[in-house]
């Protein structure tokens, strides 16, 4: 498992640059949490990078547990020899698969996935459209506006924070800080 190979998979299956940027955001957050928890940063980063690589080609709007995203992608990753804990974490980020999130890595992916989208949306309405202008308070202010970034499942973020035993404010802060580290690659 290495990042270059994971990025090649992403590029092969994802043409939408905003979706690629989302995966980069989740990768950055996963790496930050791996450092925080003294876990394997490379593995955690790859999980974040690969978690949605099959979404564009196999969106699974019907949320069939064993078809489409993320099951299609996980089948491909298994064929390529990716470790089972990586595959289980990716399956677990989609609640409809019924895959339990038993590892810290899986719980973290679930917690940060939707949150990165809310943070990006918050940055995009700031005057300079920059992550530097985003803080915990601005995200929480937008959090309460249910018409803002209405595709973001806030209950998943709350559930993820609870599963990690992490206060919501800390989850938001750590994720913002991680995303700021790649703001140049995001154009934010």
N, C-alpha and C. Protein backbone atom coordinates (compact mmCIF):
# COMPACT_ATOMS: atom_id res chain seq x y z
N UNK A 1 0.84 -1.18 0.00
CA UNK A 1 0.00 0.00 0.00
C UNK A 1 0.88 1.23 0.00
N UNK A 2 0.75 2.05 -1.04
CA UNK A 2 1.42 3.34 -0.98
C UNK A 2 0.53 4.41 -1.60
N UNK A 3 0.82 5.64 -1.25
CA UNK A 3 -0.04 6.75 -1.66
C UNK A 3 -0.10 6.91 -3.17
N UNK A 4 1.04 6.75 -3.84
CA UNK A 4 1.04 6.92 -5.31
C UNK A 4 0.10 5.92 -5.98
N UNK A 5 0.12 4.68 -5.50
CA UNK A 5 -0.78 3.67 -6.06
C UNK A 5 -2.24 4.02 -5.75
N UNK A 6 -2.50 4.51 -4.55
CA UNK A 6 -3.86 4.90 -4.18
C UNK A 6 -4.32 6.07 -5.04
N UNK A 7 -3.44 7.04 -5.24
CA UNK A 7 -3.82 8.19 -6.07
C UNK A 7 -4.06 7.76 -7.52
N UNK A 8 -3.32 6.78 -8.00
CA UNK A 8 -3.56 6.28 -9.36
C UNK A 8 -4.96 5.68 -9.47
N UNK A 9 -5.40 4.97 -8.43
CA UNK A 9 -6.76 4.42 -8.41
C UNK A 9 -7.78 5.55 -8.42
N UNK A 10 -7.55 6.56 -7.60
CA UNK A 10 -8.46 7.71 -7.56
C UNK A 10 -8.56 8.35 -8.94
N UNK A 11 -7.41 8.60 -9.57
CA UNK A 11 -7.40 9.28 -10.87
C UNK A 11 -8.02 8.42 -11.97
N UNK A 12 -7.87 7.12 -11.86
CA UNK A 12 -8.46 6.23 -12.87
C UNK A 12 -9.99 6.24 -12.80
N UNK A 13 -10.53 6.37 -11.61
CA UNK A 13 -11.98 6.21 -11.42
C UNK A 13 -12.73 7.51 -11.15
N UNK A 14 -12.03 8.62 -10.95
CA UNK A 14 -12.69 9.88 -10.60
C UNK A 14 -12.19 11.00 -11.49
N UNK A 15 -13.10 11.58 -12.25
CA UNK A 15 -12.76 12.71 -13.11
C UNK A 15 -13.20 14.04 -12.49
N UNK A 16 -14.18 14.01 -11.60
CA UNK A 16 -14.69 15.22 -10.97
C UNK A 16 -13.65 15.74 -9.97
N UNK A 17 -13.09 16.91 -10.27
CA UNK A 17 -12.03 17.46 -9.42
C UNK A 17 -12.52 17.83 -8.02
N UNK A 18 -13.79 18.22 -7.90
CA UNK A 18 -14.30 18.52 -6.56
C UNK A 18 -14.38 17.26 -5.70
N UNK A 19 -14.70 16.14 -6.32
CA UNK A 19 -14.71 14.88 -5.58
C UNK A 19 -13.28 14.49 -5.18
N UNK A 20 -12.33 14.70 -6.08
CA UNK A 20 -10.92 14.43 -5.74
C UNK A 20 -10.51 15.32 -4.56
N UNK A 21 -10.88 16.58 -4.61
CA UNK A 21 -10.54 17.49 -3.51
C UNK A 21 -11.18 17.04 -2.20
N UNK A 22 -12.41 16.53 -2.28
CA UNK A 22 -13.04 15.99 -1.07
C UNK A 22 -12.20 14.85 -0.49
N UNK A 23 -11.75 13.96 -1.35
CA UNK A 23 -10.95 12.83 -0.87
C UNK A 23 -9.62 13.32 -0.29
N UNK A 24 -9.04 14.38 -0.86
CA UNK A 24 -7.81 14.96 -0.31
C UNK A 24 -8.07 15.55 1.07
N UNK A 25 -9.23 16.18 1.25
CA UNK A 25 -9.59 16.73 2.56
C UNK A 25 -9.71 15.62 3.60
N UNK A 26 -10.38 14.57 3.23
CA UNK A 26 -10.55 13.46 4.18
C UNK A 26 -9.20 12.80 4.46
N UNK A 27 -8.37 12.68 3.44
CA UNK A 27 -7.02 12.15 3.66
C UNK A 27 -6.27 13.00 4.69
N UNK A 28 -6.31 14.33 4.52
CA UNK A 28 -5.60 15.21 5.44
C UNK A 28 -6.12 15.05 6.87
N UNK A 29 -7.43 14.98 7.02
CA UNK A 29 -8.01 14.81 8.35
C UNK A 29 -7.62 13.46 8.96
N UNK A 30 -7.64 12.43 8.14
CA UNK A 30 -7.26 11.10 8.64
C UNK A 30 -5.79 11.07 9.07
N UNK A 31 -4.94 11.72 8.32
CA UNK A 31 -3.52 11.78 8.69
C UNK A 31 -3.36 12.52 10.02
N UNK A 32 -4.08 13.62 10.18
CA UNK A 32 -3.99 14.38 11.43
C UNK A 32 -4.43 13.53 12.62
N UNK A 33 -5.51 12.77 12.44
CA UNK A 33 -5.97 11.92 13.53
C UNK A 33 -5.05 10.73 13.77
N UNK A 34 -4.43 10.22 12.74
CA UNK A 34 -3.45 9.14 12.94
C UNK A 34 -2.30 9.64 13.80
N UNK A 35 -1.84 10.86 13.53
CA UNK A 35 -0.77 11.43 14.36
C UNK A 35 -1.26 11.62 15.79
N UNK A 36 -2.47 12.12 15.93
CA UNK A 36 -3.03 12.37 17.26
C UNK A 36 -3.14 11.08 18.08
N UNK A 37 -3.54 10.00 17.43
CA UNK A 37 -3.75 8.73 18.11
C UNK A 37 -2.53 7.80 18.04
N UNK A 38 -1.43 8.30 17.48
CA UNK A 38 -0.20 7.52 17.33
C UNK A 38 -0.46 6.23 16.54
N UNK A 39 -1.13 6.39 15.40
CA UNK A 39 -1.46 5.28 14.51
C UNK A 39 -0.66 5.42 13.21
N UNK A 40 -0.86 4.51 12.29
CA UNK A 40 -0.14 4.48 11.02
C UNK A 40 -0.67 5.56 10.09
N UNK A 41 0.05 6.67 9.99
CA UNK A 41 -0.41 7.82 9.22
C UNK A 41 -0.59 7.49 7.74
N UNK A 42 0.29 6.70 7.19
CA UNK A 42 0.18 6.36 5.77
C UNK A 42 -1.09 5.55 5.50
N UNK A 43 -1.32 4.55 6.32
CA UNK A 43 -2.52 3.71 6.15
C UNK A 43 -3.78 4.54 6.31
N UNK A 44 -3.85 5.33 7.36
CA UNK A 44 -5.03 6.14 7.61
C UNK A 44 -5.26 7.14 6.48
N UNK A 45 -4.17 7.74 5.99
CA UNK A 45 -4.29 8.68 4.89
C UNK A 45 -4.83 8.02 3.64
N UNK A 46 -4.35 6.83 3.35
CA UNK A 46 -4.81 6.09 2.17
C UNK A 46 -6.29 5.75 2.30
N UNK A 47 -6.74 5.40 3.49
CA UNK A 47 -8.17 5.14 3.70
C UNK A 47 -8.98 6.39 3.35
N UNK A 48 -8.54 7.53 3.84
CA UNK A 48 -9.23 8.78 3.52
C UNK A 48 -9.21 9.10 2.04
N UNK A 49 -8.08 8.86 1.41
CA UNK A 49 -7.94 9.14 -0.02
C UNK A 49 -8.83 8.24 -0.86
N UNK A 50 -8.95 6.98 -0.49
CA UNK A 50 -9.67 6.01 -1.32
C UNK A 50 -11.16 5.86 -0.99
N UNK A 51 -11.63 6.44 0.07
CA UNK A 51 -12.97 6.10 0.56
C UNK A 51 -14.10 6.37 -0.44
N UNK A 52 -13.93 7.31 -1.35
CA UNK A 52 -14.99 7.64 -2.32
C UNK A 52 -14.55 7.47 -3.77
N UNK A 53 -13.47 6.77 -4.03
CA UNK A 53 -12.95 6.71 -5.39
C UNK A 53 -13.94 6.11 -6.38
N UNK A 54 -14.86 5.29 -5.92
CA UNK A 54 -15.83 4.64 -6.81
C UNK A 54 -17.18 5.37 -6.87
N UNK A 55 -17.30 6.47 -6.15
CA UNK A 55 -18.59 7.15 -6.04
C UNK A 55 -19.09 7.68 -7.39
N UNK A 56 -18.20 8.25 -8.18
CA UNK A 56 -18.61 8.84 -9.46
C UNK A 56 -19.15 7.78 -10.42
N UNK A 57 -18.49 6.66 -10.51
CA UNK A 57 -18.90 5.61 -11.43
C UNK A 57 -19.98 4.69 -10.91
N UNK A 58 -20.13 4.62 -9.60
CA UNK A 58 -21.07 3.69 -8.96
C UNK A 58 -21.75 4.37 -7.77
N UNK A 59 -22.51 5.45 -8.00
CA UNK A 59 -22.99 6.29 -6.91
C UNK A 59 -23.92 5.64 -5.89
N UNK A 60 -24.68 4.62 -6.26
CA UNK A 60 -25.51 3.88 -5.31
C UNK A 60 -26.54 4.75 -4.61
N UNK A 61 -27.29 5.51 -5.39
CA UNK A 61 -28.33 6.37 -4.82
C UNK A 61 -29.40 5.57 -4.10
N UNK A 62 -29.58 4.31 -4.49
CA UNK A 62 -30.58 3.45 -3.83
C UNK A 62 -30.07 2.93 -2.49
N UNK A 63 -28.78 3.13 -2.23
CA UNK A 63 -28.12 2.68 -1.00
C UNK A 63 -28.28 1.18 -0.78
N UNK A 64 -28.00 0.42 -1.84
CA UNK A 64 -28.01 -1.04 -1.74
C UNK A 64 -26.74 -1.45 -1.00
N UNK A 65 -26.86 -2.22 0.08
CA UNK A 65 -25.72 -2.51 0.93
C UNK A 65 -24.52 -3.17 0.24
N UNK A 66 -24.79 -4.03 -0.74
CA UNK A 66 -23.67 -4.79 -1.31
C UNK A 66 -23.47 -4.54 -2.81
N UNK A 67 -23.96 -3.42 -3.29
CA UNK A 67 -23.76 -3.03 -4.68
C UNK A 67 -23.34 -1.57 -4.73
N UNK A 68 -22.73 -1.16 -5.81
CA UNK A 68 -22.36 0.24 -5.97
C UNK A 68 -21.39 0.71 -4.90
N UNK A 69 -21.34 2.03 -4.73
CA UNK A 69 -20.44 2.64 -3.75
C UNK A 69 -20.89 2.31 -2.34
N UNK A 70 -20.01 1.96 -1.42
CA UNK A 70 -18.59 1.71 -1.55
C UNK A 70 -18.24 0.24 -1.81
N UNK A 71 -19.26 -0.61 -1.91
CA UNK A 71 -19.01 -2.05 -2.07
C UNK A 71 -18.24 -2.36 -3.35
N UNK A 72 -18.59 -1.68 -4.44
CA UNK A 72 -17.89 -1.92 -5.69
C UNK A 72 -16.40 -1.61 -5.53
N UNK A 73 -16.10 -0.47 -4.93
CA UNK A 73 -14.71 -0.07 -4.74
C UNK A 73 -13.96 -1.00 -3.81
N UNK A 74 -14.61 -1.42 -2.75
CA UNK A 74 -13.96 -2.32 -1.80
C UNK A 74 -13.64 -3.67 -2.46
N UNK A 75 -14.53 -4.15 -3.33
CA UNK A 75 -14.24 -5.39 -4.06
C UNK A 75 -12.97 -5.23 -4.89
N UNK A 76 -12.83 -4.09 -5.54
CA UNK A 76 -11.62 -3.84 -6.33
C UNK A 76 -10.39 -3.75 -5.43
N UNK A 77 -10.51 -3.07 -4.30
CA UNK A 77 -9.38 -2.96 -3.38
C UNK A 77 -8.97 -4.33 -2.84
N UNK A 78 -9.94 -5.17 -2.56
CA UNK A 78 -9.62 -6.53 -2.10
C UNK A 78 -8.87 -7.31 -3.18
N UNK A 79 -9.32 -7.16 -4.43
CA UNK A 79 -8.61 -7.82 -5.54
C UNK A 79 -7.16 -7.35 -5.62
N UNK A 80 -6.93 -6.10 -5.29
CA UNK A 80 -5.59 -5.52 -5.35
C UNK A 80 -4.78 -5.82 -4.09
N UNK A 81 -5.38 -6.50 -3.13
CA UNK A 81 -4.65 -6.92 -1.94
C UNK A 81 -4.62 -5.92 -0.79
N UNK A 82 -5.53 -4.96 -0.80
CA UNK A 82 -5.57 -4.02 0.32
C UNK A 82 -5.99 -4.75 1.59
N UNK A 83 -5.44 -4.34 2.74
CA UNK A 83 -5.75 -5.01 4.01
C UNK A 83 -7.23 -4.92 4.36
N UNK A 84 -7.69 -5.92 5.06
CA UNK A 84 -9.11 -6.00 5.40
C UNK A 84 -9.55 -4.84 6.30
N UNK A 85 -8.69 -4.36 7.19
CA UNK A 85 -9.11 -3.24 8.05
C UNK A 85 -9.34 -1.97 7.23
N UNK A 86 -8.59 -1.80 6.15
CA UNK A 86 -8.81 -0.67 5.24
C UNK A 86 -10.17 -0.83 4.55
N UNK A 87 -10.42 -2.01 4.06
CA UNK A 87 -11.70 -2.29 3.37
C UNK A 87 -12.89 -2.12 4.30
N UNK A 88 -12.77 -2.62 5.51
CA UNK A 88 -13.86 -2.50 6.48
C UNK A 88 -14.12 -1.05 6.87
N UNK A 89 -13.06 -0.25 7.00
CA UNK A 89 -13.24 1.17 7.33
C UNK A 89 -13.98 1.89 6.21
N UNK A 90 -13.62 1.59 4.97
CA UNK A 90 -14.28 2.22 3.83
C UNK A 90 -15.74 1.79 3.75
N UNK A 91 -16.01 0.52 3.94
CA UNK A 91 -17.41 0.07 3.96
C UNK A 91 -18.19 0.75 5.08
N UNK A 92 -17.57 0.90 6.23
CA UNK A 92 -18.24 1.46 7.41
C UNK A 92 -18.59 2.93 7.31
N UNK A 93 -17.95 3.65 6.36
CA UNK A 93 -18.28 5.08 6.27
C UNK A 93 -19.65 5.31 5.64
N UNK A 94 -20.21 4.27 5.02
CA UNK A 94 -21.55 4.35 4.44
C UNK A 94 -22.49 3.55 5.35
N UNK A 95 -23.30 4.22 6.16
CA UNK A 95 -24.13 3.50 7.14
C UNK A 95 -25.00 2.41 6.53
N UNK A 96 -25.45 2.60 5.30
CA UNK A 96 -26.36 1.64 4.69
C UNK A 96 -25.71 0.28 4.39
N UNK A 97 -24.39 0.19 4.46
CA UNK A 97 -23.76 -1.13 4.25
C UNK A 97 -23.96 -2.04 5.45
N UNK A 98 -24.27 -1.45 6.60
CA UNK A 98 -24.43 -2.24 7.81
C UNK A 98 -23.11 -2.72 8.40
N UNK A 99 -22.01 -2.22 7.88
CA UNK A 99 -20.69 -2.62 8.37
C UNK A 99 -20.37 -1.89 9.67
N UNK A 100 -20.15 -2.61 10.74
CA UNK A 100 -19.85 -1.93 12.01
C UNK A 100 -18.49 -1.24 11.95
N UNK A 101 -18.41 -0.10 12.59
CA UNK A 101 -17.15 0.65 12.68
C UNK A 101 -16.50 0.26 14.00
N UNK A 102 -15.65 -0.74 13.95
CA UNK A 102 -15.06 -1.29 15.17
C UNK A 102 -13.68 -0.72 15.48
N UNK A 103 -12.96 -0.28 14.46
CA UNK A 103 -11.61 0.23 14.70
C UNK A 103 -11.64 1.75 14.83
N UNK A 104 -10.61 2.26 15.46
CA UNK A 104 -10.46 3.71 15.59
C UNK A 104 -10.37 4.35 14.20
N UNK A 105 -9.72 3.69 13.28
CA UNK A 105 -9.59 4.19 11.92
C UNK A 105 -10.96 4.32 11.26
N UNK A 106 -11.80 3.31 11.40
CA UNK A 106 -13.14 3.33 10.80
C UNK A 106 -14.01 4.40 11.45
N UNK A 107 -13.92 4.53 12.75
CA UNK A 107 -14.70 5.55 13.46
C UNK A 107 -14.28 6.95 13.04
N UNK A 108 -12.99 7.14 12.85
CA UNK A 108 -12.48 8.46 12.45
C UNK A 108 -12.93 8.81 11.04
N UNK A 109 -12.86 7.86 10.12
CA UNK A 109 -13.31 8.12 8.75
C UNK A 109 -14.78 8.55 8.77
N UNK A 110 -15.59 7.86 9.50
CA UNK A 110 -17.01 8.19 9.59
C UNK A 110 -17.21 9.60 10.15
N UNK A 111 -16.42 9.97 11.14
CA UNK A 111 -16.57 11.27 11.80
C UNK A 111 -16.14 12.42 10.91
N UNK A 112 -15.08 12.27 10.15
CA UNK A 112 -14.53 13.41 9.39
C UNK A 112 -15.08 13.52 7.98
N UNK A 113 -15.63 12.48 7.42
CA UNK A 113 -16.06 12.47 6.02
C UNK A 113 -17.05 13.60 5.73
N UNK A 114 -18.18 13.60 6.39
CA UNK A 114 -19.20 14.62 6.16
C UNK A 114 -18.72 16.00 6.64
N UNK A 115 -17.95 16.01 7.70
CA UNK A 115 -17.47 17.28 8.27
C UNK A 115 -16.63 18.05 7.28
N UNK A 116 -15.80 17.37 6.51
CA UNK A 116 -14.95 18.09 5.55
C UNK A 116 -15.82 18.85 4.54
N UNK A 117 -16.94 18.28 4.15
CA UNK A 117 -17.84 18.96 3.23
C UNK A 117 -18.43 20.22 3.83
N UNK A 118 -18.81 20.17 5.10
CA UNK A 118 -19.35 21.34 5.77
C UNK A 118 -18.29 22.43 5.90
N UNK A 119 -17.07 22.04 6.17
CA UNK A 119 -15.98 23.02 6.29
C UNK A 119 -15.71 23.69 4.94
N UNK A 120 -15.67 22.91 3.88
CA UNK A 120 -15.46 23.49 2.54
C UNK A 120 -16.59 24.46 2.21
N UNK A 121 -17.83 24.05 2.46
CA UNK A 121 -18.97 24.91 2.18
C UNK A 121 -18.88 26.21 2.98
N UNK A 122 -18.44 26.12 4.22
CA UNK A 122 -18.28 27.31 5.05
C UNK A 122 -17.20 28.22 4.48
N UNK A 123 -16.10 27.64 4.03
CA UNK A 123 -15.02 28.44 3.42
C UNK A 123 -15.51 29.15 2.17
N UNK A 124 -16.32 28.49 1.38
CA UNK A 124 -16.76 29.06 0.10
C UNK A 124 -17.68 30.27 0.25
N UNK A 125 -18.29 30.45 1.42
CA UNK A 125 -19.13 31.63 1.63
C UNK A 125 -18.41 32.74 2.39
N UNK A 126 -17.15 32.51 2.73
CA UNK A 126 -16.35 33.55 3.38
C UNK A 126 -15.88 34.55 2.32
N UNK A 127 -15.58 35.78 2.71
CA UNK A 127 -15.21 36.81 1.73
C UNK A 127 -14.08 36.41 0.77
N UNK A 128 -13.05 35.76 1.27
CA UNK A 128 -11.92 35.37 0.41
C UNK A 128 -11.94 33.90 0.02
N UNK A 129 -13.02 33.20 0.37
CA UNK A 129 -13.14 31.77 0.06
C UNK A 129 -11.88 31.00 0.48
N UNK A 130 -11.50 31.21 1.73
CA UNK A 130 -10.26 30.63 2.22
C UNK A 130 -10.47 29.90 3.54
N UNK A 131 -9.78 28.78 3.69
CA UNK A 131 -9.86 28.03 4.95
C UNK A 131 -9.31 28.82 6.12
N UNK A 132 -8.42 29.75 5.86
CA UNK A 132 -7.87 30.60 6.93
C UNK A 132 -8.96 31.42 7.60
N UNK A 133 -10.08 31.64 6.90
CA UNK A 133 -11.18 32.43 7.45
C UNK A 133 -12.19 31.57 8.20
N UNK A 134 -11.97 30.28 8.21
CA UNK A 134 -12.91 29.35 8.85
C UNK A 134 -12.40 28.98 10.24
N UNK A 135 -13.29 29.03 11.21
CA UNK A 135 -12.95 28.57 12.55
C UNK A 135 -14.13 27.76 13.09
N UNK A 136 -13.97 27.24 14.28
CA UNK A 136 -15.01 26.39 14.87
C UNK A 136 -16.33 27.15 14.95
N UNK A 137 -16.27 28.40 15.36
CA UNK A 137 -17.50 29.17 15.53
C UNK A 137 -18.23 29.37 14.20
N UNK A 138 -17.50 29.64 13.13
CA UNK A 138 -18.17 29.85 11.83
C UNK A 138 -18.79 28.56 11.32
N UNK A 139 -18.15 27.43 11.57
CA UNK A 139 -18.73 26.14 11.16
C UNK A 139 -19.98 25.86 11.99
N UNK A 140 -19.91 26.10 13.28
CA UNK A 140 -21.07 25.82 14.14
C UNK A 140 -22.23 26.76 13.85
N UNK A 141 -21.93 27.98 13.43
CA UNK A 141 -23.00 28.90 13.05
C UNK A 141 -23.72 28.36 11.81
N UNK A 142 -22.98 27.86 10.84
CA UNK A 142 -23.57 27.30 9.64
C UNK A 142 -24.25 25.96 9.94
N UNK A 143 -23.77 25.27 10.95
CA UNK A 143 -24.32 23.99 11.37
C UNK A 143 -25.82 24.10 11.65
N UNK A 144 -26.20 25.16 12.31
CA UNK A 144 -27.59 25.32 12.73
C UNK A 144 -28.52 25.73 11.59
N UNK A 145 -27.94 26.20 10.49
CA UNK A 145 -28.74 26.58 9.32
C UNK A 145 -28.93 25.34 8.45
N UNK A 146 -30.05 24.68 8.63
CA UNK A 146 -30.28 23.39 7.95
C UNK A 146 -30.38 23.53 6.43
N UNK A 147 -30.62 24.74 5.93
CA UNK A 147 -30.67 24.93 4.48
C UNK A 147 -29.27 25.10 3.89
N UNK A 148 -28.28 25.35 4.75
CA UNK A 148 -26.90 25.50 4.31
C UNK A 148 -26.25 24.13 4.22
N UNK A 149 -25.65 23.84 3.07
CA UNK A 149 -24.99 22.54 2.85
C UNK A 149 -25.91 21.42 3.31
N UNK A 150 -27.14 21.45 2.79
CA UNK A 150 -28.16 20.52 3.27
C UNK A 150 -27.85 19.06 2.96
N UNK A 151 -26.90 18.80 2.07
CA UNK A 151 -26.50 17.43 1.80
C UNK A 151 -25.57 16.84 2.85
N UNK A 152 -25.08 17.69 3.75
CA UNK A 152 -24.18 17.22 4.81
C UNK A 152 -25.02 16.63 5.94
N UNK A 153 -24.75 15.40 6.26
CA UNK A 153 -25.48 14.69 7.32
C UNK A 153 -24.86 15.02 8.68
N UNK A 154 -25.38 16.04 9.30
CA UNK A 154 -24.82 16.51 10.56
C UNK A 154 -24.92 15.45 11.66
N UNK A 155 -25.99 14.64 11.60
CA UNK A 155 -26.14 13.59 12.62
C UNK A 155 -25.01 12.56 12.53
N UNK A 156 -24.49 12.32 11.34
CA UNK A 156 -23.35 11.40 11.20
C UNK A 156 -22.11 12.00 11.86
N UNK A 157 -21.91 13.29 11.69
CA UNK A 157 -20.75 13.94 12.31
C UNK A 157 -20.87 13.84 13.83
N UNK A 158 -22.05 14.12 14.36
CA UNK A 158 -22.27 14.04 15.81
C UNK A 158 -22.06 12.62 16.32
N UNK A 159 -22.60 11.66 15.58
CA UNK A 159 -22.44 10.25 15.96
C UNK A 159 -20.97 9.85 15.91
N UNK A 160 -20.28 10.31 14.88
CA UNK A 160 -18.85 10.00 14.76
C UNK A 160 -18.04 10.58 15.89
N UNK A 161 -18.32 11.82 16.25
CA UNK A 161 -17.61 12.46 17.37
C UNK A 161 -17.86 11.68 18.67
N UNK A 162 -19.11 11.30 18.86
CA UNK A 162 -19.47 10.54 20.06
C UNK A 162 -18.75 9.19 20.09
N UNK A 163 -18.73 8.50 18.95
CA UNK A 163 -18.04 7.20 18.88
C UNK A 163 -16.54 7.32 19.17
N UNK A 164 -15.97 8.46 18.79
CA UNK A 164 -14.55 8.70 19.06
C UNK A 164 -14.31 9.18 20.49
N UNK A 165 -15.37 9.61 21.16
CA UNK A 165 -15.19 10.21 22.48
C UNK A 165 -14.55 11.58 22.37
N UNK A 166 -14.79 12.23 21.25
CA UNK A 166 -14.17 13.53 20.94
C UNK A 166 -15.24 14.62 21.01
N UNK A 167 -15.01 15.69 21.75
CA UNK A 167 -15.97 16.79 21.72
C UNK A 167 -16.11 17.31 20.28
N UNK A 168 -17.31 17.67 19.90
CA UNK A 168 -17.57 18.14 18.54
C UNK A 168 -16.67 19.31 18.17
N UNK A 169 -16.50 20.26 19.07
CA UNK A 169 -15.64 21.41 18.78
C UNK A 169 -14.22 20.98 18.45
N UNK A 170 -13.72 19.99 19.17
CA UNK A 170 -12.35 19.51 18.92
C UNK A 170 -12.26 18.79 17.57
N UNK A 171 -13.28 18.02 17.24
CA UNK A 171 -13.32 17.35 15.94
C UNK A 171 -13.28 18.39 14.81
N UNK A 172 -14.07 19.42 14.95
CA UNK A 172 -14.11 20.49 13.94
C UNK A 172 -12.76 21.18 13.86
N UNK A 173 -12.20 21.55 15.00
CA UNK A 173 -10.91 22.26 15.04
C UNK A 173 -9.80 21.44 14.40
N UNK A 174 -9.69 20.19 14.78
CA UNK A 174 -8.63 19.34 14.23
C UNK A 174 -8.78 19.16 12.73
N UNK A 175 -10.02 19.02 12.27
CA UNK A 175 -10.27 18.83 10.85
C UNK A 175 -9.97 20.10 10.06
N UNK A 176 -10.36 21.25 10.58
CA UNK A 176 -10.02 22.52 9.92
C UNK A 176 -8.51 22.65 9.81
N UNK A 177 -7.80 22.42 10.91
CA UNK A 177 -6.34 22.56 10.90
C UNK A 177 -5.70 21.64 9.88
N UNK A 178 -6.20 20.41 9.79
CA UNK A 178 -5.65 19.46 8.81
C UNK A 178 -5.89 19.95 7.39
N UNK A 179 -7.07 20.45 7.13
CA UNK A 179 -7.40 20.92 5.78
C UNK A 179 -6.62 22.17 5.42
N UNK A 180 -6.35 23.01 6.38
CA UNK A 180 -5.52 24.21 6.11
C UNK A 180 -4.14 23.80 5.59
N UNK A 181 -3.66 22.66 6.05
CA UNK A 181 -2.34 22.19 5.62
C UNK A 181 -2.27 21.86 4.13
N UNK A 182 -3.42 21.67 3.49
CA UNK A 182 -3.42 21.39 2.05
C UNK A 182 -4.25 22.42 1.28
N UNK A 183 -4.46 23.58 1.88
CA UNK A 183 -5.33 24.59 1.26
C UNK A 183 -4.88 24.99 -0.13
N UNK A 184 -3.58 24.98 -0.38
CA UNK A 184 -3.10 25.32 -1.73
C UNK A 184 -3.56 24.30 -2.77
N UNK A 185 -3.60 23.04 -2.40
CA UNK A 185 -4.07 21.99 -3.32
C UNK A 185 -5.59 22.03 -3.52
N UNK A 186 -6.28 22.65 -2.58
CA UNK A 186 -7.73 22.75 -2.64
C UNK A 186 -8.20 24.03 -3.31
N UNK A 187 -7.31 24.98 -3.45
CA UNK A 187 -7.71 26.29 -3.97
C UNK A 187 -8.51 27.08 -2.96
N UNK A 188 -8.33 26.78 -1.70
CA UNK A 188 -9.04 27.45 -0.61
C UNK A 188 -8.05 28.08 0.36
